Each structure stands twice: as structure tokens, then as C-alpha cells.
């Protein structure tokens, strides 16, 4: 099972119980992958410009309290 089509076909054949378990697993998997990418981007300094802009907006009153 390596291609997207094969994966889609296998998922479409899951029972409702197995589909729910797969959905939960995939959400956790995808979240962990996103977290790792975000951490790597932060360590590489790729978010510094965005952080600087946000801090400048806060300093200059261009933010709204939630």
C-alpha cells in the first residue's frame, strides 16, 4: 500500500469503528508532524520576521485584546 489511490481505497473500505480509529490516529499524526515542522521553522529563525511584526503592532497599539 504505497500510492494515494491504494490508501484511499483501503480507507473507503474501513468499518465505521475502524474509520473512527483511523481518523483519530491521523489527526494525532498530522498534529505531531505540524508541531515538528513549526519547531524546526522556529529554530531556523523562519518565524522571526512575523514575531517582530507582531511585537511592533503590540507596541504601537495596533492590537485588540481578546
Protein backbone atom coordinates (compact mmCIF):
# COMPACT_ATOMS: atom_id res chain seq x y z
CA UNK A 1 0.00 0.00 0.00
CA UNK A 2 2.01 2.91 -1.22
CA UNK A 3 0.04 5.08 -3.58
CA UNK A 4 -2.61 7.61 -2.68
CA UNK A 5 -5.19 5.66 -4.69
CA UNK A 6 -4.43 2.48 -2.76
CA UNK A 7 -4.68 4.31 0.55
CA UNK A 8 -7.96 5.99 -0.45
CA UNK A 9 -9.41 2.63 -1.48
CA UNK A 10 -8.35 0.98 1.78
CA UNK A 11 -9.77 3.82 3.87
CA UNK A 12 -13.06 3.73 1.97
CA UNK A 13 -13.45 0.06 2.93
CA UNK A 14 -12.98 0.58 6.68
CA UNK A 15 -15.82 -0.19 9.03
CA UNK A 16 -17.28 2.78 10.91
CA UNK A 17 -15.37 1.74 14.05
CA UNK A 18 -12.08 1.36 12.21
CA UNK A 19 -12.67 4.62 10.33
CA UNK A 20 -13.17 6.44 13.63
CA UNK A 21 -9.94 4.92 14.98
CA UNK A 22 -8.09 5.85 11.79
CA UNK A 23 -9.47 9.40 11.92
CA UNK A 24 -8.22 9.80 15.49
CA UNK A 25 -4.81 8.33 14.65
CA UNK A 26 -4.44 10.56 11.60
CA UNK A 27 -5.41 13.72 13.48
CA UNK A 28 -2.75 12.96 16.11
CA UNK A 29 -0.18 12.06 13.45
CA UNK A 30 -0.86 15.21 11.44
CA UNK A 31 -0.75 17.40 14.55
CA UNK A 32 2.59 15.95 15.64
CA UNK A 33 4.02 16.44 12.15
CA UNK A 34 2.86 20.08 12.12
CA UNK A 35 4.34 20.65 15.59
CA UNK A 36 7.73 19.28 14.46
CA UNK A 37 7.70 21.49 11.36
CA UNK A 38 6.74 24.56 13.41
CA UNK A 39 9.54 23.87 15.91
CA UNK A 40 12.06 23.41 13.10
CA UNK A 41 10.95 26.66 11.47
CA UNK A 42 11.21 28.50 14.80
CA UNK A 43 14.71 27.14 15.47
CA UNK A 44 15.79 28.13 11.97
CA UNK A 45 14.59 31.69 12.55
CA UNK A 46 11.96 31.49 9.85
CA UNK A 47 9.32 32.98 12.16
CA UNK A 48 11.41 35.87 13.46
CA UNK A 49 10.03 38.41 10.98
CA UNK A 50 6.46 37.52 11.91
CA UNK A 51 7.26 37.75 15.61
CA UNK A 52 8.93 41.13 15.12
CA UNK A 53 5.90 42.43 13.22
CA UNK A 54 3.55 41.21 15.95
CA UNK A 55 5.61 42.82 18.69
CA UNK A 56 5.75 46.08 16.73
CA UNK A 57 1.97 46.01 16.30
CA UNK A 58 1.54 45.43 20.03
CA UNK A 59 3.98 48.21 20.93
CA UNK A 60 2.24 50.66 18.61
CA UNK A 61 -1.31 49.89 19.71
CA UNK A 62 -2.39 48.01 16.62
CA UNK A 63 -3.76 45.03 18.57
CA UNK A 64 -7.14 44.25 20.04
CA UNK A 65 -7.49 42.46 23.36
CA UNK A 66 -9.38 39.21 23.14
